[in-house]
Amino acid sequence: MLELHAHTTYSDGTLSPTELVQSAARAGVRALAITDHDTIAGWDEAIATAQTLAQPLEIIPGVELSVTDGERSLHILGFYPDPNHFRPFLAERLAGRRHRAYLMVERLAELGYAIDASLLPGGTGAAPGRPHIAQALVAAGYINHPQEAFDRWIGDGKPAYVPYDQLAVMDGLAALRAAGAIPVWAHPYLWHSPTTVEVMLPDMVAAGLMGLEVYHPTQTPSQQDRLTALCREWGLLKTGGSDYHGPAQDTKHPLNHFNLPLGLLRSLQSHPSLQHSA
């Protein structure tokens, strides 16, 4: 079965690429997308691990970009970007992520909550974020659960919060298309009303959007139906996934949550843009 949205320790997941691939295989997944935030560093390890499995498991190279539309925040998944073309763009995004994370660590120290910055991911291609800071606060004994960190210090507007380096949605779409990727709007209804989604959609399609993540744990069956209708109306691809971050975080929507058919992947792989880039 198909899983098109999952994260590793290279961004805010709790499983390494090897552990994620092994867990996906046990869950019956036959095609798995690695969609870390602003990094593609987990691809090679995932592909190498998949090649050791007794049952075939296809790795789909992907990424998830954080973008903005004015005051609105949204995420765009990109499938099959050319890594050589895309790495310079991502290097800038990763530098911004690291700077933001260390600014929040400094603000926490000023508030009296010093943490060990070495606990933040610092390897090549790793994308540090607020979940890592929250875990470091737990490790330091200041809180018992990571969500407390967001509620007290690092959530939007809280004392240690630092905003992202903004990337306009049109620029993010352009970067993905320039790298030959298929851009898909991740969990459209997670942060936006149906009306807002439909207002934003025409300009995004004109800028290169090619799909909608119809199946996501935060979206109801009626919302899935509406997104499916929008895909038909605008000629967009349908995708879906559990947005998996690890067993401790995602007990309610584990890997292979939707048991999606591989036909969705074949539609993505046969898209004319991929055939042209090949």
C-alpha atoms as a PDB file:
ATOM      1  CA  MET A   1       0.000   0.000   0.000  1.00  0.00           C
ATOM      2  CA  LEU A   2       0.971   3.645  -0.407  1.00  0.00           C
ATOM      3  CA  GLU A   3       2.325   6.180   2.130  1.00  0.00           C
ATOM      4  CA  LEU A   4       3.144   9.584   0.620  1.00  0.00           C
ATOM      5  CA  HIS A   5       3.844  11.726   3.706  1.00  0.00           C
ATOM      6  CA  ALA A   6       6.404  10.709   6.345  1.00  0.00           C
ATOM      7  CA  HIS A   7       9.262  12.320   8.274  1.00  0.00           C
ATOM      8  CA  THR A   8      12.586  11.136   9.663  1.00  0.00           C
ATOM      9  CA  THR A   9      15.115  12.388  12.191  1.00  0.00           C
ATOM     10  CA  TYR A  10      16.544  14.610   9.454  1.00  0.00           C
ATOM     11  CA  SER A  11      13.629  16.934  10.234  1.00  0.00           C
ATOM     12  CA  ASP A  12      11.008  16.498  12.960  1.00  0.00           C
ATOM     13  CA  GLY A  13      10.466  12.739  12.869  1.00  0.00           C
ATOM     14  CA  THR A  14      11.630  10.447  15.664  1.00  0.00           C
ATOM     15  CA  LEU A  15      12.756   7.510  13.496  1.00  0.00           C
ATOM     16  CA  SER A  16      15.902   7.408  11.393  1.00  0.00           C
ATOM     17  CA  PRO A  17      15.390   6.706   7.678  1.00  0.00           C
ATOM     18  CA  THR A  18      16.402   3.098   8.311  1.00  0.00           C
ATOM     19  CA  GLU A  19      13.923   2.716  11.163  1.00  0.00           C
ATOM     20  CA  LEU A  20      11.165   4.405   9.171  1.00  0.00           C
ATOM     21  CA  VAL A  21      11.626   2.121   6.173  1.00  0.00           C
ATOM     22  CA  GLN A  22      11.666  -0.968   8.380  1.00  0.00           C
ATOM     23  CA  SER A  23       8.532   0.187  10.217  1.00  0.00           C
ATOM     24  CA  ALA A  24       6.784   0.926   6.927  1.00  0.00           C
ATOM     25  CA  ALA A  25       7.570  -2.556   5.639  1.00  0.00           C
ATOM     26  CA  ARG A  26       6.125  -4.120   8.796  1.00  0.00           C
ATOM     27  CA  ALA A  27       2.990  -1.986   8.347  1.00  0.00           C
ATOM     28  CA  GLY A  28       2.428  -3.342   4.841  1.00  0.00           C
ATOM     29  CA  VAL A  29       3.600  -0.255   2.953  1.00  0.00           C
ATOM     30  CA  ARG A  30       4.887  -1.012  -0.539  1.00  0.00           C
ATOM     31  CA  ALA A  31       5.746   2.546  -1.595  1.00  0.00           C
ATOM     32  CA  LEU A  32       6.974   5.181   0.867  1.00  0.00           C
ATOM     33  CA  ALA A  33       7.710   8.871   0.316  1.00  0.00           C
ATOM     34  CA  ILE A  34      10.391  10.539   2.441  1.00  0.00           C
ATOM     35  CA  THR A  35       9.070  14.092   2.879  1.00  0.00           C
ATOM     36  CA  ASP A  36      11.231  15.811   5.475  1.00  0.00           C
ATOM     37  CA  HIS A  37      10.916  19.544   6.039  1.00  0.00           C
ATOM     38  CA  ASP A  38      13.313  21.529   3.842  1.00  0.00           C
ATOM     39  CA  THR A  39      15.789  18.665   3.420  1.00  0.00           C
ATOM     40  CA  ILE A  40      16.360  15.650   1.194  1.00  0.00           C
ATOM     41  CA  ALA A  41      19.224  14.253   3.288  1.00  0.00           C
ATOM     42  CA  GLY A  42      17.296  11.132   4.328  1.00  0.00           C
ATOM     43  CA  TRP A  43      16.761   9.783   0.828  1.00  0.00           C
ATOM     44  CA  ASP A  44      19.978   7.802   0.364  1.00  0.00           C
ATOM     45  CA  GLU A  45      19.731   5.939   3.663  1.00  0.00           C
ATOM     46  CA  ALA A  46      16.078   5.113   3.021  1.00  0.00           C
ATOM     47  CA  ILE A  47      16.802   3.798  -0.472  1.00  0.00           C
ATOM     48  CA  ALA A  48      19.733   1.719   0.766  1.00  0.00           C
ATOM     49  CA  THR A  49      17.623   0.216   3.548  1.00  0.00           C
ATOM     50  CA  ALA A  50      14.762  -0.607   1.198  1.00  0.00           C
ATOM     51  CA  GLN A  51      17.147  -2.600  -0.967  1.00  0.00           C
ATOM     52  CA  THR A  52      17.887  -4.930   1.964  1.00  0.00           C
ATOM     53  CA  LEU A  53      14.264  -5.890   2.610  1.00  0.00           C
ATOM     54  CA  ALA A  54      12.819  -9.285   1.792  1.00  0.00           C
ATOM     55  CA  GLN A  55       9.714  -7.677   0.267  1.00  0.00           C
ATOM     56  CA  PRO A  56      10.096  -4.864  -2.294  1.00  0.00           C
ATOM     57  CA  LEU A  57       9.449  -1.362  -0.955  1.00  0.00           C
ATOM     58  CA  GLU A  58       9.700   1.564  -3.349  1.00  0.00           C
ATOM     59  CA  ILE A  59      11.115   4.846  -1.990  1.00  0.00           C
ATOM     60  CA  ILE A  60       9.606   8.016  -3.443  1.00  0.00           C
ATOM     61  CA  PRO A  61      11.978  10.983  -3.080  1.00  0.00           C
ATOM     62  CA  GLY A  62      10.125  13.967  -1.664  1.00  0.00           C
ATOM     63  CA  VAL A  63      10.296  17.083   0.487  1.00  0.00           C
ATOM     64  CA  GLU A  64       7.916  19.358   2.410  1.00  0.00           C
ATOM     65  CA  LEU A  65       8.375  23.137   2.125  1.00  0.00           C
ATOM     66  CA  SER A  66       6.978  25.665   4.604  1.00  0.00           C
ATOM     67  CA  VAL A  67       5.634  28.643   2.645  1.00  0.00           C
ATOM     68  CA  THR A  68       3.434  31.691   3.181  1.00  0.00           C
ATOM     69  CA  ASP A  69       0.709  33.540   1.326  1.00  0.00           C
ATOM     70  CA  GLY A  70       0.558  36.925   2.995  1.00  0.00           C
ATOM     71  CA  GLU A  71      -0.388  36.151   6.597  1.00  0.00           C
ATOM     72  CA  ARG A  72      -1.330  32.567   5.751  1.00  0.00           C
ATOM     73  CA  SER A  73       1.021  29.629   6.353  1.00  0.00           C
ATOM     74  CA  LEU A  74       0.896  26.434   4.334  1.00  0.00           C
ATOM     75  CA  HIS A  75       3.015  23.440   3.378  1.00  0.00           C
ATOM     76  CA  ILE A  76       3.823  22.179  -0.104  1.00  0.00           C
ATOM     77  CA  LEU A  77       4.975  18.628  -0.768  1.00  0.00           C
ATOM     78  CA  GLY A  78       7.294  18.081  -3.714  1.00  0.00           C
ATOM     79  CA  PHE A  79       7.766  14.661  -5.291  1.00  0.00           C
ATOM     80  CA  TYR A  80      10.754  13.641  -7.431  1.00  0.00           C
ATOM     81  CA  PRO A  81      12.788  16.869  -7.376  1.00  0.00           C
ATOM     82  CA  ASP A  82      16.159  16.672  -9.102  1.00  0.00           C
ATOM     83  CA  PRO A  83      18.523  16.626  -6.101  1.00  0.00           C
ATOM     84  CA  ASN A  84      21.420  18.294  -7.904  1.00  0.00           C
ATOM     85  CA  HIS A  85      19.224  21.184  -8.953  1.00  0.00           C
ATOM     86  CA  PHE A  86      17.404  21.440  -5.638  1.00  0.00           C
ATOM     87  CA  ARG A  87      20.253  21.250  -3.102  1.00  0.00           C
ATOM     88  CA  PRO A  88      21.454  24.864  -3.464  1.00  0.00           C
ATOM     89  CA  PHE A  89      17.925  26.136  -2.820  1.00  0.00           C
ATOM     90  CA  LEU A  90      17.540  23.871   0.215  1.00  0.00           C
ATOM     91  CA  ALA A  91      20.929  24.936   1.596  1.00  0.00           C
ATOM     92  CA  GLU A  92      19.528  28.440   2.056  1.00  0.00           C
ATOM     93  CA  ARG A  93      16.387  27.102   3.713  1.00  0.00           C
ATOM     94  CA  LEU A  94      18.419  24.927   6.097  1.00  0.00           C
ATOM     95  CA  ALA A  95      20.674  27.833   7.048  1.00  0.00           C
ATOM     96  CA  GLY A  96      17.586  29.838   7.946  1.00  0.00           C
ATOM     97  CA  ARG A  97      16.191  26.956   9.996  1.00  0.00           C
ATOM     98  CA  ARG A  98      19.408  26.597  11.976  1.00  0.00           C
ATOM     99  CA  HIS A  99      19.628  30.339  12.642  1.00  0.00           C
ATOM    100  CA  ARG A 100      16.023  30.389  13.830  1.00  0.00           C
ATOM    101  CA  ALA A 101      16.545  27.395  16.133  1.00  0.00           C
ATOM    102  CA  TYR A 102      19.609  28.887  17.795  1.00  0.00           C
ATOM    103  CA  LEU A 103      17.865  32.232  18.278  1.00  0.00           C
ATOM    104  CA  MET A 104      15.111  30.396  20.160  1.00  0.00           C
ATOM    105  CA  VAL A 105      17.712  28.575  22.254  1.00  0.00           C
ATOM    106  CA  GLU A 106      19.223  31.964  23.145  1.00  0.00           C
ATOM    107  CA  ARG A 107      15.826  33.389  24.094  1.00  0.00           C
ATOM    108  CA  LEU A 108      15.086  30.402  26.289  1.00  0.00           C
ATOM    109  CA  ALA A 109      18.410  30.877  28.084  1.00  0.00           C
ATOM    110  CA  GLU A 110      17.548  34.539  28.677  1.00  0.00           C
ATOM    111  CA  LEU A 111      14.264  33.376  30.236  1.00  0.00           C
ATOM    112  CA  GLY A 112      16.156  31.032  32.561  1.00  0.00           C
ATOM    113  CA  TYR A 113      15.701  27.793  30.606  1.00  0.00           C
ATOM    114  CA  ALA A 114      19.118  26.924  29.220  1.00  0.00           C
ATOM    115  CA  ILE A 115      19.237  23.766  27.123  1.00  0.00           C
ATOM    116  CA  ASP A 116      21.985  21.745  25.479  1.00  0.00           C
ATOM    117  CA  ALA A 117      22.113  22.979  21.887  1.00  0.00           C
ATOM    118  CA  SER A 118      24.042  19.849  20.906  1.00  0.00           C
ATOM    119  CA  LEU A 119      20.740  17.955  21.198  1.00  0.00           C
ATOM    120  CA  LEU A 120      19.511  19.773  18.092  1.00  0.00           C
ATOM    121  CA  PRO A 121      20.198  17.895  14.844  1.00  0.00           C
ATOM    122  CA  GLY A 122      23.400  19.261  13.376  1.00  0.00           C
ATOM    123  CA  GLY A 123      24.421  16.699  10.803  1.00  0.00           C
ATOM    124  CA  THR A 124      24.730  17.432   7.111  1.00  0.00           C
ATOM    125  CA  GLY A 125      21.300  18.176   5.711  1.00  0.00           C
ATOM    126  CA  ALA A 126      19.528  17.982   9.068  1.00  0.00           C
ATOM    127  CA  ALA A 127      16.697  20.479   9.591  1.00  0.00           C
ATOM    128  CA  PRO A 128      16.347  21.589  13.240  1.00  0.00           C
ATOM    129  CA  GLY A 129      12.964  22.821  14.394  1.00  0.00           C
ATOM    130  CA  ARG A 130      10.774  23.522  17.375  1.00  0.00           C
ATOM    131  CA  PRO A 131      10.047  19.835  18.108  1.00  0.00           C
ATOM    132  CA  HIS A 132      13.767  19.302  18.725  1.00  0.00           C
ATOM    133  CA  ILE A 133      13.872  22.282  21.085  1.00  0.00           C
ATOM    134  CA  ALA A 134      10.835  20.937  22.918  1.00  0.00           C
ATOM    135  CA  GLN A 135      12.522  17.556  23.357  1.00  0.00           C
ATOM    136  CA  ALA A 136      15.654  19.288  24.687  1.00  0.00           C
ATOM    137  CA  LEU A 137      13.507  21.084  27.267  1.00  0.00           C
ATOM    138  CA  VAL A 138      12.096  17.733  28.349  1.00  0.00           C
ATOM    139  CA  ALA A 139      15.614  16.287  28.563  1.00  0.00           C
ATOM    140  CA  ALA A 140      16.666  19.241  30.737  1.00  0.00           C
ATOM    141  CA  GLY A 141      13.835  18.490  33.159  1.00  0.00           C
ATOM    142  CA  TYR A 142      11.949  21.772  32.696  1.00  0.00           C
ATOM    143  CA  ILE A 143       8.787  20.083  31.418  1.00  0.00           C
ATOM    144  CA  ASN A 144       7.298  16.595  31.213  1.00  0.00           C
ATOM    145  CA  HIS A 145       5.853  16.707  27.712  1.00  0.00           C
ATOM    146  CA  PRO A 146       6.989  18.494  24.525  1.00  0.00           C
ATOM    147  CA  GLN A 147       3.614  20.198  24.046  1.00  0.00           C
ATOM    148  CA  GLU A 148       4.270  22.186  27.219  1.00  0.00           C
ATOM    149  CA  ALA A 149       7.169  23.884  25.444  1.00  0.00           C
ATOM    150  CA  PHE A 150       4.856  25.144  22.731  1.00  0.00           C
ATOM    151  CA  ASP A 151       2.215  26.224  25.233  1.00  0.00           C
ATOM    152  CA  ARG A 152       4.678  28.139  27.422  1.00  0.00           C
ATOM    153  CA  TRP A 153       7.617  29.331  25.309  1.00  0.00           C
ATOM    154  CA  ILE A 154       7.975  28.412  21.635  1.00  0.00           C
ATOM    155  CA  GLY A 155       4.451  28.383  20.246  1.00  0.00           C
ATOM    156  CA  ASP A 156       3.460  31.201  17.890  1.00  0.00           C
ATOM    157  CA  GLY A 157       3.614  34.490  19.770  1.00  0.00           C
ATOM    158  CA  LYS A 158       5.149  32.961  22.917  1.00  0.00           C
ATOM    159  CA  PRO A 159       8.204  34.526  24.661  1.00  0.00           C
ATOM    160  CA  ALA A 160      10.903  32.471  22.911  1.00  0.00           C
ATOM    161  CA  TYR A 161       9.192  32.178  19.529  1.00  0.00           C
ATOM    162  CA  VAL A 162      11.096  33.240  16.419  1.00  0.00           C
ATOM    163  CA  PRO A 163       9.236  33.270  13.075  1.00  0.00           C
ATOM    164  CA  TYR A 164      10.408  31.408  10.000  1.00  0.00           C
ATOM    165  CA  ASP A 165      12.383  33.044   7.240  1.00  0.00           C
ATOM    166  CA  GLN A 166       9.408  33.528   4.977  1.00  0.00           C
ATOM    167  CA  LEU A 167       9.209  31.837   1.606  1.00  0.00           C
ATOM    168  CA  ALA A 168       6.311  33.002  -0.553  1.00  0.00           C
ATOM    169  CA  VAL A 169       4.146  30.188  -1.841  1.00  0.00           C
ATOM    170  CA  MET A 170       4.698  31.241  -5.444  1.00  0.00           C
ATOM    171  CA  ASP A 171       8.469  31.167  -4.936  1.00  0.00           C
ATOM    172  CA  GLY A 172       8.256  27.734  -3.333  1.00  0.00           C
ATOM    173  CA  LEU A 173       6.173  26.397  -6.208  1.00  0.00           C
ATOM    174  CA  ALA A 174       8.602  27.923  -8.704  1.00  0.00           C
ATOM    175  CA  ALA A 175      11.580  26.310  -6.963  1.00  0.00           C
ATOM    176  CA  LEU A 176       9.919  22.889  -6.978  1.00  0.00           C
ATOM    177  CA  ARG A 177       8.943  23.161 -10.629  1.00  0.00           C
ATOM    178  CA  ALA A 178      12.430  24.368 -11.589  1.00  0.00           C
ATOM    179  CA  ALA A 179      13.774  21.189  -9.961  1.00  0.00           C
ATOM    180  CA  GLY A 180      11.346  19.051 -11.962  1.00  0.00           C
ATOM    181  CA  ALA A 181       9.196  18.169  -8.947  1.00  0.00           C
ATOM    182  CA  ILE A 182       5.444  17.654  -8.727  1.00  0.00           C
ATOM    183  CA  PRO A 183       4.138  20.154  -6.127  1.00  0.00           C
ATOM    184  CA  VAL A 184       1.182  19.077  -3.970  1.00  0.00           C
ATOM    185  CA  TRP A 185      -0.599  21.200  -1.369  1.00  0.00           C
ATOM    186  CA  ALA A 186      -0.238  19.330   1.935  1.00  0.00           C
ATOM    187  CA  HIS A 187      -3.228  19.044   4.298  1.00  0.00           C
ATOM    188  CA  PRO A 188      -5.084  22.035   2.772  1.00  0.00           C
ATOM    189  CA  TYR A 189      -7.789  22.110   5.457  1.00  0.00           C
ATOM    190  CA  LEU A 190      -5.450  21.813   8.433  1.00  0.00           C
ATOM    191  CA  TRP A 191      -5.041  25.588   8.749  1.00  0.00           C
ATOM    192  CA  HIS A 192      -7.509  26.940   6.210  1.00  0.00           C
ATOM    193  CA  SER A 193     -11.259  26.969   5.701  1.00  0.00           C
ATOM    194  CA  PRO A 194     -12.753  25.461   2.541  1.00  0.00           C
ATOM    195  CA  THR A 195     -13.550  28.967   1.328  1.00  0.00           C
ATOM    196  CA  THR A 196      -9.951  30.116   1.783  1.00  0.00           C
ATOM    197  CA  VAL A 197      -8.632  27.041  -0.015  1.00  0.00           C
ATOM    198  CA  GLU A 198     -10.869  27.697  -3.004  1.00  0.00           C
ATOM    199  CA  VAL A 199      -9.859  31.372  -3.103  1.00  0.00           C
ATOM    200  CA  MET A 200      -6.154  30.504  -3.076  1.00  0.00           C
ATOM    201  CA  LEU A 201      -6.308  27.553  -5.458  1.00  0.00           C
ATOM    202  CA  PRO A 202      -6.550  29.284  -8.877  1.00  0.00           C
ATOM    203  CA  ASP A 203      -3.388  31.338  -8.413  1.00  0.00           C
ATOM    204  CA  MET A 204      -1.513  28.333  -7.020  1.00  0.00           C
ATOM    205  CA  VAL A 205      -2.509  26.178  -9.975  1.00  0.00           C
ATOM    206  CA  ALA A 206      -1.396  28.946 -12.324  1.00  0.00           C
ATOM    207  CA  ALA A 207       1.956  29.018 -10.499  1.00  0.00           C
ATOM    208  CA  GLY A 208       2.532  25.283 -10.941  1.00  0.00           C
ATOM    209  CA  LEU A 209       0.561  23.420  -8.258  1.00  0.00           C
ATOM    210  CA  MET A 210      -0.210  19.925  -9.547  1.00  0.00           C
ATOM    211  CA  GLY A 211      -1.981  18.125  -6.738  1.00  0.00           C
ATOM    212  CA  LEU A 212      -3.837  18.154  -3.432  1.00  0.00           C
ATOM    213  CA  GLU A 213      -3.237  15.944  -0.415  1.00  0.00           C
ATOM    214  CA  VAL A 214      -6.779  14.611  -0.234  1.00  0.00           C
ATOM    215  CA  TYR A 215      -6.119  12.003   2.451  1.00  0.00           C
ATOM    216  CA  HIS A 216      -4.677  13.349   5.709  1.00  0.00           C
ATOM    217  CA  PRO A 217      -5.573  12.451   9.315  1.00  0.00           C
ATOM    218  CA  THR A 218      -6.881  15.965  10.022  1.00  0.00           C
ATOM    219  CA  GLN A 219      -9.343  15.930   7.116  1.00  0.00           C
ATOM    220  CA  THR A 220     -12.843  14.480   7.457  1.00  0.00           C
ATOM    221  CA  PRO A 221     -14.490  12.217   4.864  1.00  0.00           C
ATOM    222  CA  SER A 222     -16.617  15.130   3.658  1.00  0.00           C
ATOM    223  CA  GLN A 223     -13.479  17.254   3.252  1.00  0.00           C
ATOM    224  CA  GLN A 224     -11.829  14.420   1.333  1.00  0.00           C
ATOM    225  CA  ASP A 225     -14.850  14.378  -0.977  1.00  0.00           C
ATOM    226  CA  ARG A 226     -14.610  18.137  -1.530  1.00  0.00           C
ATOM    227  CA  LEU A 227     -10.885  17.972  -2.244  1.00  0.00           C
ATOM    228  CA  THR A 228     -11.496  15.101  -4.674  1.00  0.00           C
ATOM    229  CA  ALA A 229     -14.042  17.290  -6.465  1.00  0.00           C
ATOM    230  CA  LEU A 230     -11.512  20.130  -6.628  1.00  0.00           C
ATOM    231  CA  CYS A 231      -8.970  17.745  -8.133  1.00  0.00           C
ATOM    232  CA  ARG A 232     -11.447  16.842 -10.852  1.00  0.00           C
ATOM    233  CA  GLU A 233     -12.354  20.491 -11.438  1.00  0.00           C
ATOM    234  CA  TRP A 234      -8.761  21.680 -11.750  1.00  0.00           C
ATOM    235  CA  GLY A 235      -7.169  18.567 -13.240  1.00  0.00           C
ATOM    236  CA  LEU A 236      -5.033  17.940 -10.162  1.00  0.00           C
ATOM    237  CA  LEU A 237      -3.461  14.770  -8.802  1.00  0.00           C
ATOM    238  CA  LYS A 238      -4.714  13.191  -5.570  1.00  0.00           C
ATOM    239  CA  THR A 239      -2.234  12.124  -2.905  1.00  0.00           C
ATOM    240  CA  GLY A 240      -2.433  11.115   0.724  1.00  0.00           C
ATOM    241  CA  GLY A 241      -0.509   9.964   3.740  1.00  0.00           C
ATOM    242  CA  SER A 242      -0.404   9.736   7.497  1.00  0.00           C
ATOM    243  CA  ASP A 243       2.060  12.646   7.949  1.00  0.00           C
ATOM    244  CA  TYR A 244       3.944  10.188  10.120  1.00  0.00           C
ATOM    245  CA  HIS A 245       6.472  11.543  12.629  1.00  0.00           C
ATOM    246  CA  GLY A 246       7.110   8.426  14.730  1.00  0.00           C
ATOM    247  CA  PRO A 247       5.316   5.950  17.001  1.00  0.00           C
ATOM    248  CA  ALA A 248       5.257   8.172  20.105  1.00  0.00           C
ATOM    249  CA  GLN A 249       3.794  11.145  18.241  1.00  0.00           C
ATOM    250  CA  ASP A 250       1.385   9.422  15.896  1.00  0.00           C
ATOM    251  CA  THR A 251      -0.440   6.711  17.824  1.00  0.00           C
ATOM    252  CA  LYS A 252      -3.785   7.755  16.298  1.00  0.00           C
ATOM    253  CA  HIS A 253      -2.587   7.776  12.693  1.00  0.00           C
ATOM    254  CA  PRO A 254       0.177   5.179  12.235  1.00  0.00           C
ATOM    255  CA  LEU A 255       1.993   4.341   9.045  1.00  0.00           C
ATOM    256  CA  ASN A 256      -0.352   3.053   6.339  1.00  0.00           C
ATOM    257  CA  HIS A 257      -3.211   4.798   8.154  1.00  0.00           C
ATOM    258  CA  PHE A 258      -5.299   5.074   4.975  1.00  0.00           C
ATOM    259  CA  ASN A 259      -4.213   1.845   3.243  1.00  0.00           C
ATOM    260  CA  LEU A 260      -4.112   3.808  -0.003  1.00  0.00           C
ATOM    261  CA  PRO A 261      -3.929   1.969  -3.334  1.00  0.00           C
ATOM    262  CA  LEU A 262      -0.748   2.077  -5.386  1.00  0.00           C
ATOM    263  CA  GLY A 263      -2.802   3.439  -8.260  1.00  0.00           C
ATOM    264  CA  LEU A 264      -2.461   6.941  -6.783  1.00  0.00           C
ATOM    265  CA  LEU A 265       1.304   6.634  -7.127  1.00  0.00           C
ATOM    266  CA  ARG A 266       1.080   5.390 -10.694  1.00  0.00           C
ATOM    267  CA  SER A 267      -0.997   8.453 -11.594  1.00  0.00           C
ATOM    268  CA  LEU A 268       1.699  10.661 -10.091  1.00  0.00           C
ATOM    269  CA  GLN A 269       4.519   8.810 -11.829  1.00  0.00           C
ATOM    270  CA  SER A 270       2.803   8.974 -15.222  1.00  0.00           C
ATOM    271  CA  HIS A 271       2.231  12.742 -15.015  1.00  0.00           C
ATOM    272  CA  PRO A 272       3.452  14.399 -18.235  1.00  0.00           C
ATOM    273  CA  SER A 273       5.807  16.725 -16.336  1.00  0.00           C
ATOM    274  CA  LEU A 274       7.812  13.751 -15.045  1.00  0.00           C
ATOM    275  CA  GLN A 275       7.853  12.127 -18.460  1.00  0.00           C
ATOM    276  CA  HIS A 276       9.147  15.357 -19.952  1.00  0.00           C
ATOM    277  CA  SER A 277      11.868  15.799 -17.312  1.00  0.00           C
ATOM    278  CA  ALA A 278      12.964  12.185 -17.746  1.00  0.00           C
END
